[in-house]
C-alpha cells in the first residue's frame, strides 16, 4: 500500500483527532501517544479526563513545533499514525525494563502505530513504517529503534501498537536486545 506521509503539524491536527475518534480506536483516543512521553505519573487538571489531558498535551507539543509523529493518508483521508522521535523525548523508556537503552548512541524511537480498523491487514502499518524511515532519513537521523511484538500466530489488534517483529525484519531492522521473550529491541541504520 502507498500512503502520502505528512508530519503532524498544526495544519493537520484535525485529521489526527478525526482518525482517533473513529470506532475501534478508543485506546488511541485515550492515550493520544503520550504514555511513553511521560516519565512519571499522569497529572491532570481537575475535571479533565485522562483522554482530554493527553490530547491537550500532544497538541501543546504540536503547537510548539515538535513533530511527534506522522499521519498516513490514502487520498485525502488519514488512515494511520506512527509515533516516532528522539529517544530522549520518551521519558518512560528510561525506566522500562524491556525498552531501556541498549547503549548511549543517539537513536530515534518508533513507539506506536495506529491504523483505522476499516483498513487493517492491508499493509498500512508497513507503509507507515517505510514512510517514517524515509522521513527520518531526510531529518538526518542515522539510527532508528523499535520495540515490536514477536508472537506466534495472530495477535489481537489491541496488542499490536508496537508493530510486529516480522514487519521490522522485512524493513531491514536487526535485533539488538531481548529482555522479554515476546519483545525484542530492533534497530536499523539509515544512510
N, C-alpha and C. Protein backbone atom coordinates (compact mmCIF):
# COMPACT_ATOMS: atom_id res chain seq x y z
N UNK A 1 0.84 -1.18 0.00
CA UNK A 1 0.00 0.00 0.00
C UNK A 1 0.88 1.24 0.00
N UNK A 2 0.52 2.22 -0.77
CA UNK A 2 1.23 3.50 -0.83
C UNK A 2 0.42 4.53 -0.05
N UNK A 3 1.09 5.26 0.81
CA UNK A 3 0.45 6.32 1.57
C UNK A 3 1.20 7.62 1.35
N UNK A 4 0.48 8.71 1.43
CA UNK A 4 1.10 10.02 1.49
C UNK A 4 1.37 10.29 2.96
N UNK A 5 2.62 10.55 3.29
CA UNK A 5 3.01 10.76 4.68
C UNK A 5 3.15 12.25 4.96
N UNK A 6 2.59 12.67 6.08
CA UNK A 6 2.67 14.07 6.49
C UNK A 6 3.06 14.14 7.95
N UNK A 7 4.02 15.00 8.30
CA UNK A 7 4.34 15.21 9.70
C UNK A 7 3.15 15.85 10.41
N UNK A 8 2.93 15.48 11.66
CA UNK A 8 1.83 16.06 12.41
C UNK A 8 2.19 17.50 12.77
N UNK A 9 1.46 18.43 12.17
CA UNK A 9 1.62 19.86 12.41
C UNK A 9 0.27 20.42 12.81
N UNK A 10 0.26 21.70 13.13
CA UNK A 10 -0.99 22.38 13.48
C UNK A 10 -2.00 22.22 12.35
N UNK A 11 -1.54 22.31 11.09
CA UNK A 11 -2.45 22.24 9.95
C UNK A 11 -3.19 20.91 9.84
N UNK A 12 -2.53 19.80 10.19
CA UNK A 12 -3.20 18.50 10.05
C UNK A 12 -3.65 17.92 11.39
N UNK A 13 -3.55 18.70 12.46
CA UNK A 13 -4.04 18.25 13.76
C UNK A 13 -5.48 17.74 13.70
N UNK A 14 -6.42 18.45 13.03
CA UNK A 14 -7.80 17.94 12.98
C UNK A 14 -7.90 16.55 12.36
N UNK A 15 -6.99 16.20 11.45
CA UNK A 15 -7.02 14.87 10.83
C UNK A 15 -6.66 13.78 11.85
N UNK A 16 -5.71 14.08 12.74
CA UNK A 16 -5.36 13.12 13.79
C UNK A 16 -6.54 12.94 14.74
N UNK A 17 -7.15 14.02 15.14
CA UNK A 17 -8.30 13.95 16.06
C UNK A 17 -9.42 13.15 15.41
N UNK A 18 -9.66 13.38 14.14
CA UNK A 18 -10.73 12.64 13.45
C UNK A 18 -10.38 11.16 13.36
N UNK A 19 -9.12 10.83 13.04
CA UNK A 19 -8.69 9.43 12.99
C UNK A 19 -8.90 8.76 14.33
N UNK A 20 -8.41 9.37 15.39
CA UNK A 20 -8.51 8.78 16.73
C UNK A 20 -9.95 8.70 17.22
N UNK A 21 -10.85 9.46 16.63
CA UNK A 21 -12.26 9.45 17.04
C UNK A 21 -13.07 8.33 16.41
N UNK A 22 -12.49 7.61 15.49
CA UNK A 22 -13.24 6.55 14.79
C UNK A 22 -13.51 5.36 15.69
N UNK A 23 -14.59 4.64 15.40
CA UNK A 23 -14.90 3.42 16.17
C UNK A 23 -13.72 2.45 16.13
N UNK A 24 -13.46 1.82 17.26
CA UNK A 24 -12.39 0.83 17.34
C UNK A 24 -11.05 1.41 17.74
N UNK A 25 -10.99 2.72 17.99
CA UNK A 25 -9.72 3.34 18.34
C UNK A 25 -9.77 4.01 19.71
N UNK A 26 -10.52 3.42 20.62
CA UNK A 26 -10.66 4.03 21.95
C UNK A 26 -9.34 4.07 22.71
N UNK A 27 -8.46 3.10 22.52
CA UNK A 27 -7.18 3.12 23.22
C UNK A 27 -6.34 4.29 22.71
N UNK A 28 -6.30 4.47 21.40
CA UNK A 28 -5.56 5.61 20.83
C UNK A 28 -6.15 6.92 21.32
N UNK A 29 -7.45 6.98 21.34
CA UNK A 29 -8.17 8.17 21.78
C UNK A 29 -7.89 8.47 23.26
N UNK A 30 -7.70 7.45 24.05
CA UNK A 30 -7.39 7.64 25.47
C UNK A 30 -5.96 8.07 25.70
N UNK A 31 -5.04 7.54 24.93
CA UNK A 31 -3.61 7.77 25.15
C UNK A 31 -3.07 8.97 24.39
N UNK A 32 -3.54 9.16 23.18
CA UNK A 32 -3.01 10.21 22.30
C UNK A 32 -1.48 10.17 22.24
N UNK A 33 -0.95 8.96 22.30
CA UNK A 33 0.50 8.72 22.19
C UNK A 33 1.31 9.56 23.18
N UNK A 34 0.80 9.73 24.38
CA UNK A 34 1.50 10.47 25.41
C UNK A 34 2.07 9.57 26.51
N UNK A 35 1.59 8.35 26.62
CA UNK A 35 2.01 7.47 27.72
C UNK A 35 3.53 7.36 27.82
N UNK A 36 4.18 7.07 26.72
CA UNK A 36 5.63 6.86 26.76
C UNK A 36 6.42 8.16 26.79
N UNK A 37 5.78 9.27 26.55
CA UNK A 37 6.46 10.56 26.62
C UNK A 37 6.66 11.02 28.06
N UNK A 38 5.86 10.50 28.99
CA UNK A 38 5.96 10.89 30.40
C UNK A 38 6.85 9.91 31.15
N UNK A 39 7.64 10.45 32.07
CA UNK A 39 8.49 9.59 32.90
C UNK A 39 7.78 9.19 34.18
N UNK A 40 6.84 9.98 34.62
CA UNK A 40 6.17 9.72 35.89
C UNK A 40 4.67 9.61 35.73
N UNK A 41 3.96 9.85 36.81
CA UNK A 41 2.50 9.72 36.76
C UNK A 41 1.87 10.81 35.89
N UNK A 42 0.69 10.52 35.44
CA UNK A 42 -0.07 11.46 34.61
C UNK A 42 -0.86 12.38 35.53
N UNK A 43 -0.47 13.64 35.57
CA UNK A 43 -1.15 14.62 36.40
C UNK A 43 -2.13 15.37 35.51
N UNK A 44 -3.39 15.37 35.92
CA UNK A 44 -4.45 16.03 35.14
C UNK A 44 -5.03 17.20 35.92
N UNK A 45 -5.52 18.17 35.19
CA UNK A 45 -6.24 19.27 35.82
C UNK A 45 -7.57 18.74 36.35
N UNK A 46 -8.07 19.31 37.43
CA UNK A 46 -9.37 18.86 37.97
C UNK A 46 -10.47 18.97 36.90
N UNK A 47 -11.28 17.92 36.81
CA UNK A 47 -12.39 17.91 35.88
C UNK A 47 -12.04 17.58 34.45
N UNK A 48 -10.77 17.30 34.17
CA UNK A 48 -10.33 16.96 32.81
C UNK A 48 -10.09 15.46 32.75
N UNK A 49 -10.66 14.81 31.75
CA UNK A 49 -10.48 13.37 31.61
C UNK A 49 -9.04 13.04 31.22
N UNK A 50 -8.68 11.81 31.46
CA UNK A 50 -7.36 11.30 31.08
C UNK A 50 -7.14 11.54 29.59
N UNK A 51 -8.14 11.18 28.77
CA UNK A 51 -8.04 11.34 27.32
C UNK A 51 -7.86 12.79 26.93
N UNK A 52 -8.69 13.65 27.46
CA UNK A 52 -8.61 15.08 27.11
C UNK A 52 -7.27 15.67 27.55
N UNK A 53 -6.78 15.26 28.69
CA UNK A 53 -5.48 15.74 29.17
C UNK A 53 -4.37 15.32 28.20
N UNK A 54 -4.39 14.06 27.78
CA UNK A 54 -3.39 13.58 26.82
C UNK A 54 -3.49 14.33 25.50
N UNK A 55 -4.70 14.53 25.05
CA UNK A 55 -4.94 15.26 23.79
C UNK A 55 -4.36 16.67 23.89
N UNK A 56 -4.61 17.35 24.98
CA UNK A 56 -4.09 18.71 25.18
C UNK A 56 -2.57 18.72 25.23
N UNK A 57 -1.99 17.72 25.88
CA UNK A 57 -0.53 17.68 25.98
C UNK A 57 0.12 17.43 24.62
N UNK A 58 -0.47 16.54 23.82
CA UNK A 58 0.07 16.31 22.48
C UNK A 58 -0.10 17.56 21.62
N UNK A 59 -1.24 18.19 21.72
CA UNK A 59 -1.49 19.42 20.95
C UNK A 59 -0.50 20.51 21.35
N UNK A 60 -0.16 20.60 22.62
CA UNK A 60 0.82 21.59 23.07
C UNK A 60 2.19 21.34 22.43
N UNK A 61 2.57 20.06 22.28
CA UNK A 61 3.82 19.74 21.59
C UNK A 61 3.77 20.23 20.15
N UNK A 62 2.67 19.91 19.49
CA UNK A 62 2.50 20.30 18.08
C UNK A 62 2.50 21.82 17.95
N UNK A 63 1.82 22.50 18.85
CA UNK A 63 1.77 23.96 18.81
C UNK A 63 3.16 24.58 18.99
N UNK A 64 4.06 23.90 19.71
CA UNK A 64 5.44 24.38 19.91
C UNK A 64 6.34 24.04 18.72
N UNK A 65 5.82 23.33 17.74
CA UNK A 65 6.61 22.98 16.56
C UNK A 65 7.26 21.62 16.62
N UNK A 66 6.99 20.85 17.67
CA UNK A 66 7.51 19.48 17.76
C UNK A 66 6.70 18.60 16.82
N UNK A 67 7.37 17.74 16.07
CA UNK A 67 6.68 16.77 15.22
C UNK A 67 6.74 15.43 15.95
N UNK A 68 5.64 15.03 16.62
CA UNK A 68 5.65 13.80 17.42
C UNK A 68 5.37 12.53 16.62
N UNK A 69 5.13 12.68 15.33
CA UNK A 69 4.85 11.52 14.51
C UNK A 69 4.32 11.95 13.15
N UNK A 70 3.89 10.94 12.39
CA UNK A 70 3.44 11.17 11.03
C UNK A 70 2.06 10.56 10.82
N UNK A 71 1.28 11.22 9.99
CA UNK A 71 0.00 10.68 9.54
C UNK A 71 0.17 10.09 8.16
N UNK A 72 -0.49 8.96 7.93
CA UNK A 72 -0.50 8.35 6.61
C UNK A 72 -1.87 8.56 5.99
N UNK A 73 -1.88 9.08 4.77
CA UNK A 73 -3.13 9.40 4.08
C UNK A 73 -3.33 8.50 2.87
N UNK A 74 -4.55 8.06 2.71
CA UNK A 74 -4.99 7.42 1.48
C UNK A 74 -5.95 8.40 0.86
N UNK A 75 -5.60 8.91 -0.30
CA UNK A 75 -6.31 10.04 -0.91
C UNK A 75 -6.25 11.20 0.07
N UNK A 76 -7.36 11.72 0.51
CA UNK A 76 -7.34 12.88 1.42
C UNK A 76 -7.68 12.50 2.86
N UNK A 77 -7.77 11.21 3.15
CA UNK A 77 -8.23 10.75 4.47
C UNK A 77 -7.08 10.10 5.23
N UNK A 78 -6.85 10.56 6.46
CA UNK A 78 -5.83 9.94 7.31
C UNK A 78 -6.32 8.56 7.72
N UNK A 79 -5.49 7.54 7.47
CA UNK A 79 -5.88 6.17 7.84
C UNK A 79 -4.88 5.53 8.80
N UNK A 80 -3.79 6.25 9.11
CA UNK A 80 -2.81 5.69 10.02
C UNK A 80 -1.93 6.75 10.64
N UNK A 81 -1.31 6.36 11.74
CA UNK A 81 -0.44 7.23 12.53
C UNK A 81 0.74 6.41 13.02
N UNK A 82 1.91 7.02 13.02
CA UNK A 82 3.09 6.42 13.60
C UNK A 82 3.77 7.47 14.48
N UNK A 83 4.03 7.10 15.72
CA UNK A 83 4.69 7.99 16.68
C UNK A 83 6.18 7.67 16.66
N UNK A 84 7.00 8.68 16.40
CA UNK A 84 8.44 8.49 16.43
C UNK A 84 9.12 9.80 16.76
N UNK A 85 10.33 9.69 17.26
CA UNK A 85 11.12 10.87 17.59
C UNK A 85 12.35 10.47 18.36
N UNK A 86 13.14 11.46 18.75
CA UNK A 86 14.35 11.16 19.52
C UNK A 86 14.02 10.39 20.79
N UNK A 87 14.81 9.38 21.06
CA UNK A 87 14.58 8.52 22.22
C UNK A 87 14.39 9.32 23.51
N UNK A 88 15.16 10.39 23.65
CA UNK A 88 15.08 11.18 24.88
C UNK A 88 13.73 11.89 25.04
N UNK A 89 12.93 11.98 23.98
CA UNK A 89 11.59 12.57 24.08
C UNK A 89 10.60 11.63 24.77
N UNK A 90 10.99 10.38 24.96
CA UNK A 90 10.11 9.37 25.55
C UNK A 90 10.64 9.00 26.93
N UNK A 91 10.23 9.78 27.93
CA UNK A 91 10.73 9.63 29.29
C UNK A 91 10.53 8.24 29.88
N UNK A 92 9.42 7.59 29.54
CA UNK A 92 9.12 6.28 30.13
C UNK A 92 10.08 5.19 29.66
N UNK A 93 10.71 5.37 28.52
CA UNK A 93 11.64 4.35 28.03
C UNK A 93 12.83 4.18 28.97
N UNK A 94 13.22 5.24 29.64
CA UNK A 94 14.36 5.16 30.56
C UNK A 94 14.11 4.17 31.68
N UNK A 95 12.86 4.07 32.12
CA UNK A 95 12.52 3.20 33.25
C UNK A 95 12.03 1.82 32.82
N UNK A 96 11.82 1.63 31.54
CA UNK A 96 11.25 0.37 31.07
C UNK A 96 12.28 -0.75 31.11
N UNK A 97 11.96 -1.86 31.78
CA UNK A 97 12.90 -2.99 31.77
C UNK A 97 13.02 -3.63 30.38
N UNK A 98 12.02 -3.47 29.55
CA UNK A 98 12.02 -4.07 28.22
C UNK A 98 12.63 -3.14 27.18
N UNK A 99 12.36 -1.84 27.29
CA UNK A 99 12.75 -0.89 26.25
C UNK A 99 13.85 0.08 26.69
N UNK A 100 14.51 -0.20 27.79
CA UNK A 100 15.58 0.70 28.25
C UNK A 100 16.70 0.74 27.21
N UNK A 101 17.54 1.76 27.32
CA UNK A 101 18.62 1.97 26.35
C UNK A 101 19.55 0.76 26.26
N UNK A 102 19.93 0.45 25.06
CA UNK A 102 20.90 -0.62 24.80
C UNK A 102 22.32 -0.07 24.97
N UNK A 103 22.51 1.19 24.57
CA UNK A 103 23.80 1.87 24.65
C UNK A 103 23.52 3.37 24.65
N UNK A 104 24.55 4.16 24.47
CA UNK A 104 24.36 5.61 24.51
C UNK A 104 24.38 6.26 23.13
N UNK A 105 24.20 5.48 22.08
CA UNK A 105 24.16 6.03 20.72
C UNK A 105 22.90 6.87 20.55
N UNK A 106 23.01 7.98 19.80
CA UNK A 106 21.81 8.77 19.52
C UNK A 106 20.87 7.98 18.61
N UNK A 107 19.64 7.81 19.05
CA UNK A 107 18.69 6.97 18.32
C UNK A 107 17.31 7.59 18.37
N UNK A 108 16.56 7.40 17.31
CA UNK A 108 15.14 7.76 17.31
C UNK A 108 14.35 6.49 17.58
N UNK A 109 13.26 6.63 18.31
CA UNK A 109 12.41 5.50 18.68
C UNK A 109 11.09 5.55 17.93
N UNK A 110 10.67 4.39 17.47
CA UNK A 110 9.33 4.22 16.91
C UNK A 110 8.52 3.57 18.02
N UNK A 111 7.50 4.26 18.48
CA UNK A 111 6.77 3.82 19.66
C UNK A 111 5.42 3.18 19.33
N UNK A 112 4.69 3.76 18.39
CA UNK A 112 3.30 3.35 18.27
C UNK A 112 2.79 3.45 16.84
N UNK A 113 1.93 2.50 16.48
CA UNK A 113 1.19 2.53 15.22
C UNK A 113 -0.30 2.55 15.54
N UNK A 114 -1.04 3.36 14.83
CA UNK A 114 -2.49 3.37 14.92
C UNK A 114 -3.01 3.25 13.49
N UNK A 115 -3.85 2.25 13.25
CA UNK A 115 -4.40 2.02 11.92
C UNK A 115 -5.92 1.97 12.02
N UNK A 116 -6.58 2.71 11.14
CA UNK A 116 -8.04 2.69 11.07
C UNK A 116 -8.50 1.23 10.97
N UNK A 117 -9.40 0.80 11.84
CA UNK A 117 -9.86 -0.60 11.81
C UNK A 117 -10.42 -1.04 10.45
N UNK A 118 -10.94 -0.11 9.68
CA UNK A 118 -11.51 -0.47 8.37
C UNK A 118 -10.47 -0.89 7.35
N UNK A 119 -9.19 -0.55 7.60
CA UNK A 119 -8.15 -0.88 6.62
C UNK A 119 -7.02 -1.72 7.22
N UNK A 120 -7.28 -2.35 8.34
CA UNK A 120 -6.26 -3.21 8.93
C UNK A 120 -6.02 -4.45 8.07
N UNK A 121 -4.82 -5.00 8.21
CA UNK A 121 -4.38 -6.18 7.47
C UNK A 121 -4.32 -5.93 5.95
N UNK A 122 -4.01 -4.69 5.60
CA UNK A 122 -3.85 -4.33 4.19
C UNK A 122 -2.49 -3.68 3.92
N UNK A 123 -1.59 -3.77 4.89
CA UNK A 123 -0.25 -3.22 4.71
C UNK A 123 -0.09 -1.78 5.14
N UNK A 124 -1.05 -1.23 5.86
CA UNK A 124 -0.96 0.17 6.28
C UNK A 124 0.20 0.38 7.25
N UNK A 125 0.34 -0.47 8.26
CA UNK A 125 1.43 -0.30 9.23
C UNK A 125 2.78 -0.37 8.54
N UNK A 126 2.94 -1.28 7.61
CA UNK A 126 4.21 -1.39 6.90
C UNK A 126 4.48 -0.14 6.05
N UNK A 127 3.44 0.39 5.43
CA UNK A 127 3.59 1.63 4.67
C UNK A 127 3.94 2.80 5.59
N UNK A 128 3.33 2.83 6.78
CA UNK A 128 3.68 3.85 7.77
C UNK A 128 5.15 3.74 8.17
N UNK A 129 5.60 2.52 8.43
CA UNK A 129 6.98 2.30 8.82
C UNK A 129 7.94 2.77 7.72
N UNK A 130 7.68 2.37 6.49
CA UNK A 130 8.56 2.76 5.39
C UNK A 130 8.56 4.27 5.19
N UNK A 131 7.39 4.88 5.30
CA UNK A 131 7.31 6.33 5.18
C UNK A 131 8.05 7.04 6.31
N UNK A 132 7.94 6.49 7.51
CA UNK A 132 8.64 7.09 8.66
C UNK A 132 10.15 6.97 8.51
N UNK A 133 10.63 5.85 8.00
CA UNK A 133 12.07 5.69 7.79
C UNK A 133 12.58 6.70 6.76
N UNK A 134 11.82 6.88 5.71
CA UNK A 134 12.20 7.85 4.68
C UNK A 134 12.21 9.27 5.25
N UNK A 135 11.19 9.60 6.02
CA UNK A 135 11.11 10.93 6.63
C UNK A 135 12.26 11.14 7.62
N UNK A 136 12.53 10.15 8.47
CA UNK A 136 13.62 10.26 9.45
C UNK A 136 14.96 10.46 8.75
N UNK A 137 15.17 9.74 7.67
CA UNK A 137 16.42 9.87 6.90
C UNK A 137 16.57 11.32 6.43
N UNK A 138 15.48 11.91 5.95
CA UNK A 138 15.52 13.31 5.48
C UNK A 138 15.78 14.29 6.62
N UNK A 139 15.48 13.89 7.84
CA UNK A 139 15.74 14.74 9.01
C UNK A 139 17.16 14.57 9.52
N UNK A 140 17.94 13.70 8.89
CA UNK A 140 19.33 13.48 9.29
C UNK A 140 19.50 12.40 10.35
N UNK A 141 18.45 11.66 10.62
CA UNK A 141 18.52 10.58 11.61
C UNK A 141 19.37 9.44 11.03
N UNK A 142 20.24 8.88 11.85
CA UNK A 142 21.12 7.81 11.38
C UNK A 142 20.82 6.45 12.00
N UNK A 143 20.07 6.43 13.11
CA UNK A 143 19.78 5.16 13.78
C UNK A 143 18.36 5.21 14.33
N UNK A 144 17.57 4.18 13.99
CA UNK A 144 16.17 4.10 14.42
C UNK A 144 15.99 2.80 15.19
N UNK A 145 15.22 2.88 16.26
CA UNK A 145 14.99 1.73 17.14
C UNK A 145 13.49 1.51 17.30
N UNK A 146 13.11 0.24 17.48
CA UNK A 146 11.70 -0.11 17.70
C UNK A 146 11.61 -1.26 18.68
N UNK A 147 10.41 -1.48 19.21
CA UNK A 147 10.18 -2.45 20.28
C UNK A 147 8.96 -3.32 19.96
N UNK A 148 9.00 -4.02 18.84
CA UNK A 148 7.81 -4.72 18.36
C UNK A 148 7.43 -5.95 19.19
N UNK A 149 6.27 -6.48 18.85
CA UNK A 149 5.78 -7.73 19.44
C UNK A 149 6.27 -8.88 18.57
N UNK A 150 6.66 -9.96 19.21
CA UNK A 150 7.11 -11.16 18.49
C UNK A 150 6.33 -12.35 19.04
N UNK A 151 5.13 -12.50 18.52
CA UNK A 151 4.24 -13.57 18.98
C UNK A 151 3.93 -14.51 17.82
N UNK A 152 3.76 -15.75 18.14
CA UNK A 152 3.38 -16.72 17.11
C UNK A 152 1.90 -16.58 16.81
N UNK A 153 1.55 -16.75 15.57
CA UNK A 153 0.14 -16.69 15.18
C UNK A 153 -0.39 -15.28 15.20
N UNK A 154 -1.69 -15.18 15.04
CA UNK A 154 -2.36 -13.89 15.00
C UNK A 154 -2.49 -13.32 16.41
N UNK A 155 -2.16 -12.07 16.55
CA UNK A 155 -2.30 -11.38 17.83
C UNK A 155 -3.51 -10.45 17.76
N UNK A 156 -4.09 -10.17 18.90
CA UNK A 156 -5.21 -9.24 18.96
C UNK A 156 -4.74 -7.87 18.51
N UNK A 157 -5.59 -7.17 17.76
CA UNK A 157 -5.22 -5.85 17.25
C UNK A 157 -4.77 -4.90 18.35
N UNK A 158 -5.42 -4.97 19.50
CA UNK A 158 -5.09 -4.02 20.56
C UNK A 158 -3.78 -4.34 21.28
N UNK A 159 -3.10 -5.40 20.88
CA UNK A 159 -1.79 -5.69 21.47
C UNK A 159 -0.67 -5.38 20.48
N UNK A 160 -1.01 -4.82 19.34
CA UNK A 160 -0.03 -4.62 18.29
C UNK A 160 0.35 -3.15 18.06
N UNK A 161 0.19 -2.33 19.07
CA UNK A 161 0.53 -0.90 18.94
C UNK A 161 1.99 -0.71 18.58
N UNK A 162 2.85 -1.64 18.99
CA UNK A 162 4.29 -1.52 18.72
C UNK A 162 4.67 -2.10 17.36
N UNK A 163 3.74 -2.75 16.67
CA UNK A 163 4.04 -3.40 15.40
C UNK A 163 4.52 -4.82 15.61
N UNK A 164 4.61 -5.55 14.53
CA UNK A 164 5.04 -6.95 14.54
C UNK A 164 6.50 -7.06 14.13
N UNK A 165 7.23 -7.93 14.80
CA UNK A 165 8.66 -8.11 14.51
C UNK A 165 8.90 -8.43 13.04
N UNK A 166 8.08 -9.27 12.46
CA UNK A 166 8.31 -9.67 11.06
C UNK A 166 8.25 -8.46 10.11
N UNK A 167 7.45 -7.45 10.46
CA UNK A 167 7.39 -6.25 9.64
C UNK A 167 8.73 -5.50 9.72
N UNK A 168 9.30 -5.44 10.90
CA UNK A 168 10.60 -4.78 11.06
C UNK A 168 11.71 -5.60 10.41
N UNK A 169 11.60 -6.91 10.47
CA UNK A 169 12.56 -7.77 9.76
C UNK A 169 12.57 -7.42 8.27
N UNK A 170 11.39 -7.33 7.68
CA UNK A 170 11.29 -7.02 6.24
C UNK A 170 11.86 -5.65 5.92
N UNK A 171 11.82 -4.72 6.88
CA UNK A 171 12.32 -3.37 6.65
C UNK A 171 13.83 -3.26 6.91
N UNK A 172 14.47 -4.38 7.26
CA UNK A 172 15.91 -4.37 7.44
C UNK A 172 16.40 -4.07 8.84
N UNK A 173 15.52 -4.15 9.82
CA UNK A 173 15.94 -3.97 11.21
C UNK A 173 16.63 -5.24 11.70
N UNK A 174 17.52 -5.08 12.66
CA UNK A 174 18.19 -6.22 13.29
C UNK A 174 17.91 -6.19 14.79
N UNK A 175 17.72 -7.36 15.35
CA UNK A 175 17.51 -7.46 16.80
C UNK A 175 18.82 -7.17 17.52
N UNK A 176 18.75 -6.25 18.52
CA UNK A 176 19.95 -5.90 19.28
C UNK A 176 19.83 -6.25 20.76
N UNK A 177 18.63 -6.58 21.21
CA UNK A 177 18.41 -6.99 22.60
C UNK A 177 17.05 -7.66 22.69
N UNK A 178 16.90 -8.49 23.74
CA UNK A 178 15.60 -9.10 24.02
C UNK A 178 15.56 -9.36 25.52
N UNK A 179 14.79 -8.56 26.19
CA UNK A 179 14.71 -8.64 27.65
C UNK A 179 13.44 -9.31 28.13
N UNK A 180 12.58 -9.60 27.19
CA UNK A 180 11.31 -10.30 27.45
C UNK A 180 11.08 -11.20 26.24
N UNK A 181 10.61 -12.42 26.43
CA UNK A 181 10.52 -13.37 25.31
C UNK A 181 9.79 -12.85 24.07
N UNK A 182 8.77 -12.05 24.24
CA UNK A 182 7.99 -11.61 23.08
C UNK A 182 8.25 -10.17 22.67
N UNK A 183 9.31 -9.54 23.20
CA UNK A 183 9.54 -8.10 22.93
C UNK A 183 11.01 -7.81 22.62
N UNK A 184 11.43 -7.97 21.38
CA UNK A 184 12.81 -7.62 21.02
C UNK A 184 12.99 -6.11 20.91
N UNK A 185 14.22 -5.68 21.01
CA UNK A 185 14.62 -4.32 20.67
C UNK A 185 15.32 -4.44 19.33
N UNK A 186 14.85 -3.68 18.34
CA UNK A 186 15.38 -3.78 16.99
C UNK A 186 15.86 -2.43 16.50
N UNK A 187 16.91 -2.47 15.68
CA UNK A 187 17.49 -1.24 15.15
C UNK A 187 17.75 -1.33 13.67
N UNK A 188 17.77 -0.15 13.08
CA UNK A 188 18.13 -0.02 11.66
C UNK A 188 18.99 1.22 11.49
N UNK A 189 20.11 1.05 10.80
CA UNK A 189 20.96 2.19 10.45
C UNK A 189 20.40 2.80 9.17
N UNK A 190 20.30 4.12 9.16
CA UNK A 190 19.85 4.84 7.98
C UNK A 190 21.05 5.50 7.34
N UNK A 191 21.08 5.49 6.01
CA UNK A 191 22.22 6.11 5.31
C UNK A 191 21.80 7.43 4.69
